[in-house]
Amino acid sequence: MKKVQAGFTMIELVMVIVVLGVLSAVAIPKYVDFKTDAAQAAAKGVAGALESASAIQYAKDKLLANYKDSKRTCKEIGSFLVGGAPPTGFTIDGTAPSCTVANADSPTGTTPVAWTLSQD
């Protein structure tokens, strides 16, 4: 008489659960790091765009007759971006020349990206 196996044994089920537990214990911290890194990279991209916008506006101010000698503020630089404001979810703060860009999608406790505003 043959004995027919009609399902998984308890040991097989426990082993699958253990393997899934180990994989999730390794994968979840990696996912959190990826999210933090992506949010920081996005903020650095906005900071780079702000630096470029600042330099372009400075050159325009120098070339045009309406040049004003006053220094630009960090928030004012944001109005020079395409669309007239930083992208949704980003805030610009600080007192020139030390400015910061914060990403609302960054995990709690993430330091905002800082950059120095170049001015004469």
PDB file of N, CA and C in Angstrom:
ATOM      1  N   MET A   1       0.821  -1.173   0.000  1.00  0.00           N
ATOM      2  CA  MET A   1       0.000   0.000   0.000  1.00  0.00           C
ATOM      3  C   MET A   1       0.876   1.253   0.000  1.00  0.00           C
ATOM      4  N   LYS A   2       0.605   2.156  -0.960  1.00  0.00           N
ATOM      5  CA  LYS A   2       1.378   3.391  -1.048  1.00  0.00           C
ATOM      6  C   LYS A   2       0.794   4.454  -0.136  1.00  0.00           C
ATOM      7  N   LYS A   3       1.713   5.189   0.476  1.00  0.00           N
ATOM      8  CA  LYS A   3       1.287   6.308   1.312  1.00  0.00           C
ATOM      9  C   LYS A   3       1.369   7.570   0.447  1.00  0.00           C
ATOM     10  N   VAL A   4       0.259   8.259   0.239  1.00  0.00           N
ATOM     11  CA  VAL A   4       0.198   9.447  -0.611  1.00  0.00           C
ATOM     12  C   VAL A   4       0.280  10.691   0.268  1.00  0.00           C
ATOM     13  N   GLN A   5       1.204  11.575  -0.123  1.00  0.00           N
ATOM     14  CA  GLN A   5       1.345  12.819   0.628  1.00  0.00           C
ATOM     15  C   GLN A   5       0.380  13.838   0.034  1.00  0.00           C
ATOM     16  N   ALA A   6      -0.465  14.422   0.876  1.00  0.00           N
ATOM     17  CA  ALA A   6      -1.512  15.318   0.390  1.00  0.00           C
ATOM     18  C   ALA A   6      -1.245  16.782   0.718  1.00  0.00           C
ATOM     19  N   GLY A   7      -0.046  17.154   1.122  1.00  0.00           N
ATOM     20  CA  GLY A   7       0.237  18.554   1.454  1.00  0.00           C
ATOM     21  C   GLY A   7       1.656  18.717   1.946  1.00  0.00           C
ATOM     22  N   PHE A   8       1.928  19.876   2.503  1.00  0.00           N
ATOM     23  CA  PHE A   8       3.253  20.159   3.037  1.00  0.00           C
ATOM     24  C   PHE A   8       3.348  19.679   4.472  1.00  0.00           C
ATOM     25  N   THR A   9       4.540  19.268   4.855  1.00  0.00           N
ATOM     26  CA  THR A   9       4.749  18.868   6.249  1.00  0.00           C
ATOM     27  C   THR A   9       4.937  20.124   7.089  1.00  0.00           C
ATOM     28  N   MET A  10       4.815  19.971   8.369  1.00  0.00           N
ATOM     29  CA  MET A  10       4.974  21.092   9.295  1.00  0.00           C
ATOM     30  C   MET A  10       6.391  21.653   9.204  1.00  0.00           C
ATOM     31  N   ILE A  11       7.386  20.811   9.038  1.00  0.00           N
ATOM     32  CA  ILE A  11       8.779  21.262   8.947  1.00  0.00           C
ATOM     33  C   ILE A  11       8.969  22.124   7.696  1.00  0.00           C
ATOM     34  N   GLU A  12       8.390  21.736   6.588  1.00  0.00           N
ATOM     35  CA  GLU A  12       8.504  22.531   5.360  1.00  0.00           C
ATOM     36  C   GLU A  12       7.861  23.912   5.539  1.00  0.00           C
ATOM     37  N   LEU A  13       6.713  23.956   6.168  1.00  0.00           N
ATOM     38  CA  LEU A  13       6.044  25.238   6.398  1.00  0.00           C
ATOM     39  C   LEU A  13       6.855  26.140   7.325  1.00  0.00           C
ATOM     40  N   VAL A  14       7.421  25.571   8.371  1.00  0.00           N
ATOM     41  CA  VAL A  14       8.242  26.348   9.307  1.00  0.00           C
ATOM     42  C   VAL A  14       9.481  26.883   8.598  1.00  0.00           C
ATOM     43  N   MET A  15      10.094  26.073   7.755  1.00  0.00           N
ATOM     44  CA  MET A  15      11.293  26.522   7.033  1.00  0.00           C
ATOM     45  C   MET A  15      10.966  27.686   6.090  1.00  0.00           C
ATOM     46  N   VAL A  16       9.836  27.628   5.424  1.00  0.00           N
ATOM     47  CA  VAL A  16       9.428  28.725   4.536  1.00  0.00           C
ATOM     48  C   VAL A  16       9.213  30.001   5.344  1.00  0.00           C
ATOM     49  N   ILE A  17       8.578  29.888   6.495  1.00  0.00           N
ATOM     50  CA  ILE A  17       8.346  31.057   7.352  1.00  0.00           C
ATOM     51  C   ILE A  17       9.672  31.634   7.843  1.00  0.00           C
ATOM     52  N   VAL A  18      10.611  30.783   8.217  1.00  0.00           N
ATOM     53  CA  VAL A  18      11.928  31.251   8.676  1.00  0.00           C
ATOM     54  C   VAL A  18      12.661  31.974   7.551  1.00  0.00           C
ATOM     55  N   VAL A  19      12.655  31.408   6.362  1.00  0.00           N
ATOM     56  CA  VAL A  19      13.333  32.042   5.219  1.00  0.00           C
ATOM     57  C   VAL A  19      12.693  33.395   4.911  1.00  0.00           C
ATOM     58  N   LEU A  20      11.370  33.474   4.903  1.00  0.00           N
ATOM     59  CA  LEU A  20      10.693  34.749   4.662  1.00  0.00           C
ATOM     60  C   LEU A  20      11.016  35.772   5.749  1.00  0.00           C
ATOM     61  N   GLY A  21      11.112  35.322   6.986  1.00  0.00           N
ATOM     62  CA  GLY A  21      11.472  36.221   8.086  1.00  0.00           C
ATOM     63  C   GLY A  21      12.868  36.791   7.927  1.00  0.00           C
ATOM     64  N   VAL A  22      13.813  35.949   7.539  1.00  0.00           N
ATOM     65  CA  VAL A  22      15.195  36.406   7.338  1.00  0.00           C
ATOM     66  C   VAL A  22      15.256  37.393   6.172  1.00  0.00           C
ATOM     67  N   LEU A  23      14.588  37.077   5.081  1.00  0.00           N
ATOM     68  CA  LEU A  23      14.584  37.977   3.925  1.00  0.00           C
ATOM     69  C   LEU A  23      13.965  39.333   4.266  1.00  0.00           C
ATOM     70  N   SER A  24      12.869  39.326   5.000  1.00  0.00           N
ATOM     71  CA  SER A  24      12.237  40.601   5.350  1.00  0.00           C
ATOM     72  C   SER A  24      13.078  41.387   6.350  1.00  0.00           C
ATOM     73  N   ALA A  25      13.779  40.705   7.240  1.00  0.00           N
ATOM     74  CA  ALA A  25      14.647  41.398   8.198  1.00  0.00           C
ATOM     75  C   ALA A  25      15.804  42.093   7.493  1.00  0.00           C
ATOM     76  N   VAL A  26      16.240  41.549   6.379  1.00  0.00           N
ATOM     77  CA  VAL A  26      17.327  42.157   5.607  1.00  0.00           C
ATOM     78  C   VAL A  26      16.784  43.224   4.661  1.00  0.00           C
ATOM     79  N   ALA A  27      15.634  42.997   4.055  1.00  0.00           N
ATOM     80  CA  ALA A  27      15.115  43.889   3.016  1.00  0.00           C
ATOM     81  C   ALA A  27      14.516  45.182   3.563  1.00  0.00           C
ATOM     82  N   ILE A  28      13.831  45.134   4.685  1.00  0.00           N
ATOM     83  CA  ILE A  28      13.157  46.329   5.208  1.00  0.00           C
ATOM     84  C   ILE A  28      14.144  47.446   5.547  1.00  0.00           C
ATOM     85  N   PRO A  29      15.245  47.194   6.261  1.00  0.00           N
ATOM     86  CA  PRO A  29      16.199  48.290   6.506  1.00  0.00           C
ATOM     87  C   PRO A  29      16.801  48.850   5.217  1.00  0.00           C
ATOM     88  N   LYS A  30      17.019  48.004   4.224  1.00  0.00           N
ATOM     89  CA  LYS A  30      17.541  48.480   2.941  1.00  0.00           C
ATOM     90  C   LYS A  30      16.545  49.414   2.272  1.00  0.00           C
ATOM     91  N   TYR A  31      15.261  49.080   2.334  1.00  0.00           N
ATOM     92  CA  TYR A  31      14.227  49.919   1.734  1.00  0.00           C
ATOM     93  C   TYR A  31      14.187  51.283   2.406  1.00  0.00           C
ATOM     94  N   VAL A  32      14.284  51.326   3.718  1.00  0.00           N
ATOM     95  CA  VAL A  32      14.275  52.595   4.447  1.00  0.00           C
ATOM     96  C   VAL A  32      15.473  53.438   4.032  1.00  0.00           C
ATOM     97  N   ASP A  33      16.645  52.820   3.888  1.00  0.00           N
ATOM     98  CA  ASP A  33      17.834  53.553   3.457  1.00  0.00           C
ATOM     99  C   ASP A  33      17.656  54.100   2.047  1.00  0.00           C
ATOM    100  N   PHE A  34      17.050  53.330   1.158  1.00  0.00           N
ATOM    101  CA  PHE A  34      16.819  53.802  -0.211  1.00  0.00           C
ATOM    102  C   PHE A  34      15.902  55.016  -0.215  1.00  0.00           C
ATOM    103  N   LYS A  35      14.873  54.986   0.623  1.00  0.00           N
ATOM    104  CA  LYS A  35      13.927  56.099   0.677  1.00  0.00           C
ATOM    105  C   LYS A  35      14.619  57.358   1.192  1.00  0.00           C
ATOM    106  N   THR A  36      15.433  57.221   2.229  1.00  0.00           N
ATOM    107  CA  THR A  36      16.173  58.363   2.769  1.00  0.00           C
ATOM    108  C   THR A  36      17.141  58.908   1.734  1.00  0.00           C
ATOM    109  N   ASP A  37      17.877  58.016   1.085  1.00  0.00           N
ATOM    110  CA  ASP A  37      18.843  58.445   0.070  1.00  0.00           C
ATOM    111  C   ASP A  37      18.148  59.152  -1.094  1.00  0.00           C
ATOM    112  N   ALA A  38      17.008  58.649  -1.509  1.00  0.00           N
ATOM    113  CA  ALA A  38      16.282  59.264  -2.622  1.00  0.00           C
ATOM    114  C   ALA A  38      15.776  60.655  -2.249  1.00  0.00           C
ATOM    115  N   ALA A  39      15.269  60.800  -1.029  1.00  0.00           N
ATOM    116  CA  ALA A  39      14.782  62.110  -0.585  1.00  0.00           C
ATOM    117  C   ALA A  39      15.923  63.113  -0.498  1.00  0.00           C
ATOM    118  N   GLN A  40      17.078  62.674   0.008  1.00  0.00           N
ATOM    119  CA  GLN A  40      18.244  63.555   0.092  1.00  0.00           C
ATOM    120  C   GLN A  40      18.745  63.923  -1.303  1.00  0.00           C
ATOM    121  N   ALA A  41      18.758  62.974  -2.217  1.00  0.00           N
ATOM    122  CA  ALA A  41      19.210  63.252  -3.584  1.00  0.00           C
ATOM    123  C   ALA A  41      18.277  64.251  -4.265  1.00  0.00           C
ATOM    124  N   ALA A  42      16.984  64.129  -4.030  1.00  0.00           N
ATOM    125  CA  ALA A  42      16.030  65.080  -4.611  1.00  0.00           C
ATOM    126  C   ALA A  42      16.262  66.481  -4.059  1.00  0.00           C
ATOM    127  N   ALA A  43      16.509  66.581  -2.752  1.00  0.00           N
ATOM    128  CA  ALA A  43      16.781  67.891  -2.145  1.00  0.00           C
ATOM    129  C   ALA A  43      18.085  68.478  -2.684  1.00  0.00           C
ATOM    130  N   LYS A  44      19.089  67.630  -2.905  1.00  0.00           N
ATOM    131  CA  LYS A  44      20.348  68.115  -3.486  1.00  0.00           C
ATOM    132  C   LYS A  44      20.128  68.613  -4.907  1.00  0.00           C
ATOM    133  N   GLY A  45      19.259  67.957  -5.637  1.00  0.00           N
ATOM    134  CA  GLY A  45      18.935  68.403  -6.991  1.00  0.00           C
ATOM    135  C   GLY A  45      18.281  69.773  -6.992  1.00  0.00           C
ATOM    136  N   VAL A  46      17.361  69.994  -6.059  1.00  0.00           N
ATOM    137  CA  VAL A  46      16.716  71.307  -5.953  1.00  0.00           C
ATOM    138  C   VAL A  46      17.732  72.360  -5.532  1.00  0.00           C
ATOM    139  N   ALA A  47      18.631  72.006  -4.613  1.00  0.00           N
ATOM    140  CA  ALA A  47      19.677  72.950  -4.198  1.00  0.00           C
ATOM    141  C   ALA A  47      20.569  73.318  -5.379  1.00  0.00           C
ATOM    142  N   GLY A  48      20.896  72.350  -6.216  1.00  0.00           N
ATOM    143  CA  GLY A  48      21.696  72.627  -7.410  1.00  0.00           C
ATOM    144  C   GLY A  48      20.962  73.546  -8.375  1.00  0.00           C
ATOM    145  N   ALA A  49      19.665  73.317  -8.536  1.00  0.00           N
ATOM    146  CA  ALA A  49      18.865  74.183  -9.405  1.00  0.00           C
ATOM    147  C   ALA A  49      18.815  75.601  -8.850  1.00  0.00           C
ATOM    148  N   LEU A  50      18.736  75.715  -7.532  1.00  0.00           N
ATOM    149  CA  LEU A  50      18.715  77.041  -6.909  1.00  0.00           C
ATOM    150  C   LEU A  50      20.042  77.765  -7.094  1.00  0.00           C
ATOM    151  N   GLU A  51      21.139  77.029  -6.996  1.00  0.00           N
ATOM    152  CA  GLU A  51      22.450  77.643  -7.230  1.00  0.00           C
ATOM    153  C   GLU A  51      22.545  78.166  -8.661  1.00  0.00           C
ATOM    154  N   SER A  52      22.092  77.369  -9.607  1.00  0.00           N
ATOM    155  CA  SER A  52      22.119  77.789 -11.011  1.00  0.00           C
ATOM    156  C   SER A  52      21.208  78.990 -11.240  1.00  0.00           C
ATOM    157  N   ALA A  53      20.010  78.945 -10.677  1.00  0.00           N
ATOM    158  CA  ALA A  53      19.075  80.063 -10.832  1.00  0.00           C
ATOM    159  C   ALA A  53      19.646  81.334 -10.229  1.00  0.00           C
ATOM    160  N   SER A  54      20.329  81.192  -9.106  1.00  0.00           N
ATOM    161  CA  SER A  54      20.951  82.350  -8.460  1.00  0.00           C
ATOM    162  C   SER A  54      22.026  82.953  -9.351  1.00  0.00           C
ATOM    163  N   ALA A  55      22.857  82.109  -9.937  1.00  0.00           N
ATOM    164  CA  ALA A  55      23.935  82.596 -10.802  1.00  0.00           C
ATOM    165  C   ALA A  55      23.378  83.259 -12.062  1.00  0.00           C
ATOM    166  N   ILE A  56      22.343  82.661 -12.641  1.00  0.00           N
ATOM    167  CA  ILE A  56      21.733  83.236 -13.845  1.00  0.00           C
ATOM    168  C   ILE A  56      21.103  84.590 -13.531  1.00  0.00           C
ATOM    169  N   GLN A  57      20.384  84.665 -12.418  1.00  0.00           N
ATOM    170  CA  GLN A  57      19.745  85.929 -12.051  1.00  0.00           C
ATOM    171  C   GLN A  57      20.786  86.998 -11.736  1.00  0.00           C
ATOM    172  N   TYR A  58      21.867  86.607 -11.099  1.00  0.00           N
ATOM    173  CA  TYR A  58      22.949  87.550 -10.792  1.00  0.00           C
ATOM    174  C   TYR A  58      23.519  88.123 -12.090  1.00  0.00           C
ATOM    175  N   ALA A  59      23.736  87.260 -13.083  1.00  0.00           N
ATOM    176  CA  ALA A  59      24.256  87.719 -14.373  1.00  0.00           C
ATOM    177  C   ALA A  59      23.262  88.651 -15.064  1.00  0.00           C
ATOM    178  N   LYS A  60      21.973  88.306 -15.018  1.00  0.00           N
ATOM    179  CA  LYS A  60      20.955  89.173 -15.615  1.00  0.00           C
ATOM    180  C   LYS A  60      20.938  90.536 -14.931  1.00  0.00           C
ATOM    181  N   ASP A  61      20.991  90.519 -13.602  1.00  0.00           N
ATOM    182  CA  ASP A  61      20.977  91.779 -12.853  1.00  0.00           C
ATOM    183  C   ASP A  61      22.161  92.663 -13.231  1.00  0.00           C
ATOM    184  N   LYS A  62      23.315  92.048 -13.426  1.00  0.00           N
ATOM    185  CA  LYS A  62      24.522  92.807 -13.776  1.00  0.00           C
ATOM    186  C   LYS A  62      24.419  93.400 -15.181  1.00  0.00           C
ATOM    187  N   LEU A  63      23.819  92.653 -16.102  1.00  0.00           N
ATOM    188  CA  LEU A  63      23.745  93.096 -17.494  1.00  0.00           C
ATOM    189  C   LEU A  63      22.648  94.119 -17.747  1.00  0.00           C
ATOM    190  N   LEU A  64      21.565  94.013 -17.032  1.00  0.00           N
ATOM    191  CA  LEU A  64      20.420  94.881 -17.293  1.00  0.00           C
ATOM    192  C   LEU A  64      20.526  96.189 -16.527  1.00  0.00           C
ATOM    193  N   ALA A  65      19.828  97.184 -17.015  1.00  0.00           N
ATOM    194  CA  ALA A  65      19.860  98.505 -16.388  1.00  0.00           C
ATOM    195  C   ALA A  65      19.177  98.513 -15.023  1.00  0.00           C
ATOM    196  N   ASN A  66      18.330  97.528 -14.757  1.00  0.00           N
ATOM    197  CA  ASN A  66      17.610  97.520 -13.482  1.00  0.00           C
ATOM    198  C   ASN A  66      18.383  96.792 -12.383  1.00  0.00           C
ATOM    199  N   TYR A  67      19.695  96.783 -12.509  1.00  0.00           N
ATOM    200  CA  TYR A  67      20.524  96.102 -11.514  1.00  0.00           C
ATOM    201  C   TYR A  67      20.293  96.711 -10.146  1.00  0.00           C
ATOM    202  N   LYS A  68      20.048  95.867  -9.190  1.00  0.00           N
ATOM    203  CA  LYS A  68      19.944  96.348  -7.815  1.00  0.00           C
ATOM    204  C   LYS A  68      21.082  95.747  -7.017  1.00  0.00           C
ATOM    205  N   ASP A  69      21.663  96.543  -6.209  1.00  0.00           N
ATOM    206  CA  ASP A  69      22.858  96.128  -5.486  1.00  0.00           C
ATOM    207  C   ASP A  69      22.534  95.347  -4.222  1.00  0.00           C
ATOM    208  N   SER A  70      21.258  95.208  -3.910  1.00  0.00           N
ATOM    209  CA  SER A  70      20.913  94.503  -2.683  1.00  0.00           C
ATOM    210  C   SER A  70      21.181  93.011  -2.830  1.00  0.00           C
ATOM    211  N   LYS A  71      21.445  92.383  -1.730  1.00  0.00           N
ATOM    212  CA  LYS A  71      21.708  90.943  -1.720  1.00  0.00           C
ATOM    213  C   LYS A  71      20.387  90.182  -1.800  1.00  0.00           C
ATOM    214  N   ARG A  72      20.425  89.037  -2.436  1.00  0.00           N
ATOM    215  CA  ARG A  72      19.240  88.192  -2.563  1.00  0.00           C
ATOM    216  C   ARG A  72      19.071  87.348  -1.303  1.00  0.00           C
ATOM    217  N   THR A  73      17.808  87.069  -0.965  1.00  0.00           N
ATOM    218  CA  THR A  73      17.532  86.186   0.166  1.00  0.00           C
ATOM    219  C   THR A  73      17.358  84.758  -0.349  1.00  0.00           C
ATOM    220  N   CYS A  74      17.421  83.807   0.567  1.00  0.00           N
ATOM    221  CA  CYS A  74      17.276  82.400   0.185  1.00  0.00           C
ATOM    222  C   CYS A  74      15.913  82.140  -0.455  1.00  0.00           C
ATOM    223  N   LYS A  75      14.845  82.652   0.155  1.00  0.00           N
ATOM    224  CA  LYS A  75      13.502  82.417  -0.380  1.00  0.00           C
ATOM    225  C   LYS A  75      13.304  83.126  -1.711  1.00  0.00           C
ATOM    226  N   GLU A  76      13.930  84.283  -1.884  1.00  0.00           N
ATOM    227  CA  GLU A  76      13.803  85.017  -3.141  1.00  0.00           C
ATOM    228  C   GLU A  76      14.408  84.226  -4.298  1.00  0.00           C
ATOM    229  N   ILE A  77      15.471  83.489  -4.032  1.00  0.00           N
ATOM    230  CA  ILE A  77      16.104  82.672  -5.071  1.00  0.00           C
ATOM    231  C   ILE A  77      15.112  81.628  -5.590  1.00  0.00           C
ATOM    232  N   GLY A  78      14.255  81.112  -4.719  1.00  0.00           N
ATOM    233  CA  GLY A  78      13.255  80.128  -5.133  1.00  0.00           C
ATOM    234  C   GLY A  78      12.317  80.650  -6.206  1.00  0.00           C
ATOM    235  N   SER A  79      12.076  81.960  -6.221  1.00  0.00           N
ATOM    236  CA  SER A  79      11.181  82.535  -7.232  1.00  0.00           C
ATOM    237  C   SER A  79      11.831  82.579  -8.612  1.00  0.00           C
ATOM    238  N   PHE A  80      13.141  82.362  -8.703  1.00  0.00           N
ATOM    239  CA  PHE A  80      13.839  82.367  -9.989  1.00  0.00           C
ATOM    240  C   PHE A  80      13.764  81.014 -10.695  1.00  0.00           C
ATOM    241  N   LEU A  81      13.263  79.998 -10.013  1.00  0.00           N
ATOM    242  CA  LEU A  81      13.147  78.675 -10.627  1.00  0.00           C
ATOM    243  C   LEU A  81      12.029  78.656 -11.664  1.00  0.00           C
ATOM    244  N   VAL A  82      12.074  77.676 -12.551  1.00  0.00           N
ATOM    245  CA  VAL A  82      10.998  77.511 -13.529  1.00  0.00           C
ATOM    246  C   VAL A  82       9.700  77.294 -12.760  1.00  0.00           C
ATOM    247  N   GLY A  83       8.676  78.030 -13.103  1.00  0.00           N
ATOM    248  CA  GLY A  83       7.411  77.947 -12.381  1.00  0.00           C
ATOM    249  C   GLY A  83       7.315  78.971 -11.269  1.00  0.00           C
ATOM    250  N   GLY A  84       8.409  79.653 -10.966  1.00  0.00           N
ATOM    251  CA  GLY A  84       8.393  80.719  -9.971  1.00  0.00           C
ATOM    252  C   GLY A  84       8.421  80.269  -8.529  1.00  0.00           C
ATOM    253  N   ALA A  85       8.607  78.994  -8.286  1.00  0.00           N
ATOM    254  CA  ALA A  85       8.646  78.489  -6.914  1.00  0.00           C
ATOM    255  C   ALA A  85       9.350  77.143  -6.903  1.00  0.00           C
ATOM    256  N   PRO A  86       9.828  76.721  -5.723  1.00  0.00           N
ATOM    257  CA  PRO A  86      10.428  75.387  -5.655  1.00  0.00           C
ATOM    258  C   PRO A  86       9.369  74.311  -5.908  1.00  0.00           C
ATOM    259  N   PRO A  87       9.801  73.114  -6.285  1.00  0.00           N
ATOM    260  CA  PRO A  87       8.836  72.032  -6.520  1.00  0.00           C
ATOM    261  C   PRO A  87       7.992  71.746  -5.276  1.00  0.00           C
ATOM    262  N   THR A  88       6.830  71.177  -5.490  1.00  0.00           N
ATOM    263  CA  THR A  88       5.932  70.832  -4.391  1.00  0.00           C
ATOM    264  C   THR A  88       6.636  69.911  -3.403  1.00  0.00           C
ATOM    265  N   GLY A  89       6.513  70.222  -2.127  1.00  0.00           N
ATOM    266  CA  GLY A  89       7.106  69.392  -1.083  1.00  0.00           C
ATOM    267  C   GLY A  89       8.473  69.858  -0.620  1.00  0.00           C
ATOM    268  N   PHE A  90       9.022  70.869  -1.255  1.00  0.00           N
ATOM    269  CA  PHE A  90      10.333  71.380  -0.873  1.00  0.00           C
ATOM    270  C   PHE A  90      10.179  72.769  -0.271  1.00  0.00           C
ATOM    271  N   THR A  91      10.937  73.035   0.787  1.00  0.00           N
ATOM    272  CA  THR A  91      10.931  74.361   1.391  1.00  0.00           C
ATOM    273  C   THR A  91      12.345  74.908   1.414  1.00  0.00           C
ATOM    274  N   ILE A  92      12.448  76.195   1.167  1.00  0.00           N
ATOM    275  CA  ILE A  92      13.731  76.887   1.188  1.00  0.00           C
ATOM    276  C   ILE A  92      13.731  77.771   2.418  1.00  0.00           C
ATOM    277  N   ASP A  93      14.818  77.714   3.163  1.00  0.00           N
ATOM    278  CA  ASP A  93      14.888  78.495   4.395  1.00  0.00           C
ATOM    279  C   ASP A  93      16.323  78.929   4.621  1.00  0.00           C
ATOM    280  N   GLY A  94      16.513  79.719   5.639  1.00  0.00           N
ATOM    281  CA  GLY A  94      17.852  80.147   6.002  1.00  0.00           C
ATOM    282  C   GLY A  94      18.051  81.624   5.769  1.00  0.00           C
ATOM    283  N   THR A  95      19.164  82.111   6.256  1.00  0.00           N
ATOM    284  CA  THR A  95      19.558  83.495   6.073  1.00  0.00           C
ATOM    285  C   THR A  95      20.781  83.505   5.182  1.00  0.00           C
ATOM    286  N   ALA A  96      20.703  84.252   4.075  1.00  0.00           N
ATOM    287  CA  ALA A  96      21.812  84.284   3.116  1.00  0.00           C
ATOM    288  C   ALA A  96      23.099  84.685   3.827  1.00  0.00           C
ATOM    289  N   PRO A  97      24.210  84.096   3.494  1.00  0.00           N
ATOM    290  CA  PRO A  97      24.423  83.198   2.366  1.00  0.00           C
ATOM    291  C   PRO A  97      24.235  81.720   2.695  1.00  0.00           C
ATOM    292  N   SER A  98      23.831  81.362   3.910  1.00  0.00           N
ATOM    293  CA  SER A  98      23.657  79.946   4.271  1.00  0.00           C
ATOM    294  C   SER A  98      22.193  79.565   4.142  1.00  0.00           C
ATOM    295  N   CYS A  99      21.877  78.794   3.119  1.00  0.00           N
ATOM    296  CA  CYS A  99      20.496  78.407   2.840  1.00  0.00           C
ATOM    297  C   CYS A  99      20.330  76.895   2.992  1.00  0.00           C
ATOM    298  N   THR A 100      19.088  76.465   3.195  1.00  0.00           N
ATOM    299  CA  THR A 100      18.794  75.036   3.288  1.00  0.00           C
ATOM    300  C   THR A 100      17.587  74.704   2.419  1.00  0.00           C
ATOM    301  N   VAL A 101      17.564  73.470   1.936  1.00  0.00           N
ATOM    302  CA  VAL A 101      16.419  72.935   1.197  1.00  0.00           C
ATOM    303  C   VAL A 101      15.958  71.699   1.949  1.00  0.00           C
ATOM    304  N   ALA A 102      14.689  71.678   2.345  1.00  0.00           N
ATOM    305  CA  ALA A 102      14.132  70.524   3.045  1.00  0.00           C
ATOM    306  C   ALA A 102      13.095  69.853   2.152  1.00  0.00           C
ATOM    307  N   ASN A 103      13.087  68.535   2.184  1.00  0.00           N
ATOM    308  CA  ASN A 103      12.157  67.729   1.398  1.00  0.00           C
ATOM    309  C   ASN A 103      11.109  67.165   2.345  1.00  0.00           C
ATOM    310  N   ALA A 104       9.838  67.439   2.092  1.00  0.00           N
ATOM    311  CA  ALA A 104       8.763  66.951   2.957  1.00  0.00           C
ATOM    312  C   ALA A 104       8.677  65.430   2.951  1.00  0.00           C
ATOM    313  N   ASP A 105       9.198  64.779   1.904  1.00  0.00           N
ATOM    314  CA  ASP A 105       9.160  63.319   1.821  1.00  0.00           C
ATOM    315  C   ASP A 105      10.289  62.651   2.590  1.00  0.00           C
ATOM    316  N   SER A 106      11.198  63.446   3.155  1.00  0.00           N
ATOM    317  CA  SER A 106      12.310  62.863   3.907  1.00  0.00           C
ATOM    318  C   SER A 106      11.797  62.240   5.194  1.00  0.00           C
ATOM    319  N   PRO A 107      12.361  61.109   5.600  1.00  0.00           N
ATOM    320  CA  PRO A 107      11.971  60.514   6.875  1.00  0.00           C
ATOM    321  C   PRO A 107      12.286  61.455   8.034  1.00  0.00           C
ATOM    322  N   THR A 108      11.585  61.293   9.126  1.00  0.00           N
ATOM    323  CA  THR A 108      11.789  62.125  10.300  1.00  0.00           C
ATOM    324  C   THR A 108      13.236  62.043  10.767  1.00  0.00           C
ATOM    325  N   GLY A 109      13.804  63.182  11.113  1.00  0.00           N
ATOM    326  CA  GLY A 109      15.180  63.224  11.602  1.00  0.00           C
ATOM    327  C   GLY A 109      16.216  63.423  10.519  1.00  0.00           C
ATOM    328  N   THR A 110      15.798  63.524   9.257  1.00  0.00           N
ATOM    329  CA  THR A 110      16.736  63.734   8.160  1.00  0.00           C
ATOM    330  C   THR A 110      17.154  65.200   8.126  1.00  0.00           C
ATOM    331  N   THR A 111      18.442  65.433   8.008  1.00  0.00           N
ATOM    332  CA  THR A 111      18.964  66.793   7.973  1.00  0.00           C
ATOM    333  C   THR A 111      18.691  67.426   6.610  1.00  0.00           C
ATOM    334  N   PRO A 112      18.174  68.674   6.593  1.00  0.00           N
ATOM    335  CA  PRO A 112      17.977  69.347   5.303  1.00  0.00           C
ATOM    336  C   PRO A 112      19.308  69.565   4.584  1.00  0.00           C
ATOM    337  N   VAL A 113      19.260  69.650   3.269  1.00  0.00           N
ATOM    338  CA  VAL A 113      20.461  69.894   2.465  1.00  0.00           C
ATOM    339  C   VAL A 113      20.807  71.375   2.564  1.00  0.00           C
ATOM    340  N   ALA A 114      22.067  71.666   2.847  1.00  0.00           N
ATOM    341  CA  ALA A 114      22.509  73.054   2.980  1.00  0.00           C
ATOM    342  C   ALA A 114      23.380  73.435   1.796  1.00  0.00           C
ATOM    343  N   TRP A 115      23.313  74.692   1.408  1.00  0.00           N
ATOM    344  CA  TRP A 115      24.220  75.210   0.391  1.00  0.00           C
ATOM    345  C   TRP A 115      24.505  76.664   0.709  1.00  0.00           C
ATOM    346  N   THR A 116      25.589  77.168   0.164  1.00  0.00           N
ATOM    347  CA  THR A 116      25.983  78.551   0.385  1.00  0.00           C
ATOM    348  C   THR A 116      25.652  79.363  -0.851  1.00  0.00           C
ATOM    349  N   LEU A 117      24.929  80.429  -0.648  1.00  0.00           N
ATOM    350  CA  LEU A 117      24.521  81.316  -1.725  1.00  0.00           C
ATOM    351  C   LEU A 117      25.695  82.207  -2.099  1.00  0.00           C
ATOM    352  N   SER A 118      26.087  82.168  -3.367  1.00  0.00           N
ATOM    353  CA  SER A 118      27.216  82.982  -3.835  1.00  0.00           C
ATOM    354  C   SER A 118      26.740  84.390  -4.153  1.00  0.00           C
ATOM    355  N   GLN A 119      27.326  85.354  -3.471  1.00  0.00           N
ATOM    356  CA  GLN A 119      26.991  86.752  -3.712  1.00  0.00           C
ATOM    357  C   GLN A 119      28.260  87.576  -3.631  1.00  0.00           C
ATOM    358  N   ASP A 120      28.261  88.708  -4.324  1.00  0.00           N
ATOM    359  CA  ASP A 120      29.399  89.631  -4.250  1.00  0.00           C
ATOM    360  C   ASP A 120      29.442  90.298  -2.900  1.00  0.00           C
TER     361      ASP A 120
END
